[in-house]
């Protein structure tokens, strides 16, 4: 029963900062948590600390840039966003498992939607007035950005890490020029406001997935399936014809850290999971040489 209250409290606190409430816990969700038997507190605390510390560093860098609006501070802001994203990817398996456990996959997807339509969010060189940021009729609030996220298509991202990379860096090989973010014109002001609001929403969404409660084997298996699916999406190449885009940093960070995060999952959690899911330890060990295929073979077993 204490886990029911932990989940309920997390959901209530994270939803209190907006006029649009996040999904409330269901009876089915609460039952799955109270019946879970795989400890994950240490893993959750480590993941939360990494995410929160990186978020705080990003917020400070954004404040520094807003006050100075100089190239050095913009460069630092870009570095801090990559660090924050790395902290997210390092513990993606845990986040995906929590999303499965709490039936909040849509929320997790909102935290990092890609591939996405970059012109839906911000102006492109060939379409200098495109995007939500350039729309003077769109009120720039977290609520309005949530409403616009995936409004008519799943790739219409107005929130999440990938969208932040688009707003901050653009889509070209050369990062977005300083005046586009530091100017006094209305679009630059809205772009800076967007960076603030999208960062705040990421922190609110992360709180909803942070629950000090055990996991269960089906949730971990589901989380692993979603983690491996990111590898296939990351390697997608036939996107340009459809107007879709994956930020370079998203590809790079996932390529370097996603599978390492699986291999470095909390050992206590892994050992307890292995008691209920024979072969998972061996599959993770084999993935060091065979890559994600070893884990996919384990998932495909009857």
Foldseek 3Di string as FASTA:
>chain_A
DVLLVLLQVLQCVLQVPDPDGDDGFDPVLSVQQVPADFACQVLLVVLVVQLVVLLVQLVVLLVVCQVPLDPVSLVSNVVSLLSNVLSCLLQQLLLQLLCLSRVNVVLVCLQAPPQAQLQQAAAAPVRHQGHPLNDPVQDLALVSQVCQQCVPHNRNHLAHSQNLCCLSANADPHGDDSCCQRPPDSSNVSSSSSNVRRSSSSVSSVSSSRGNTHGHLVSSLSSLVVLVVVVVRLPDDPCVVVSTDGHPSNSVSSVVRNLVSVLPRDPSSVVVNCVVQPPPNVLSVCCVPVNCVSVVVSSPDD
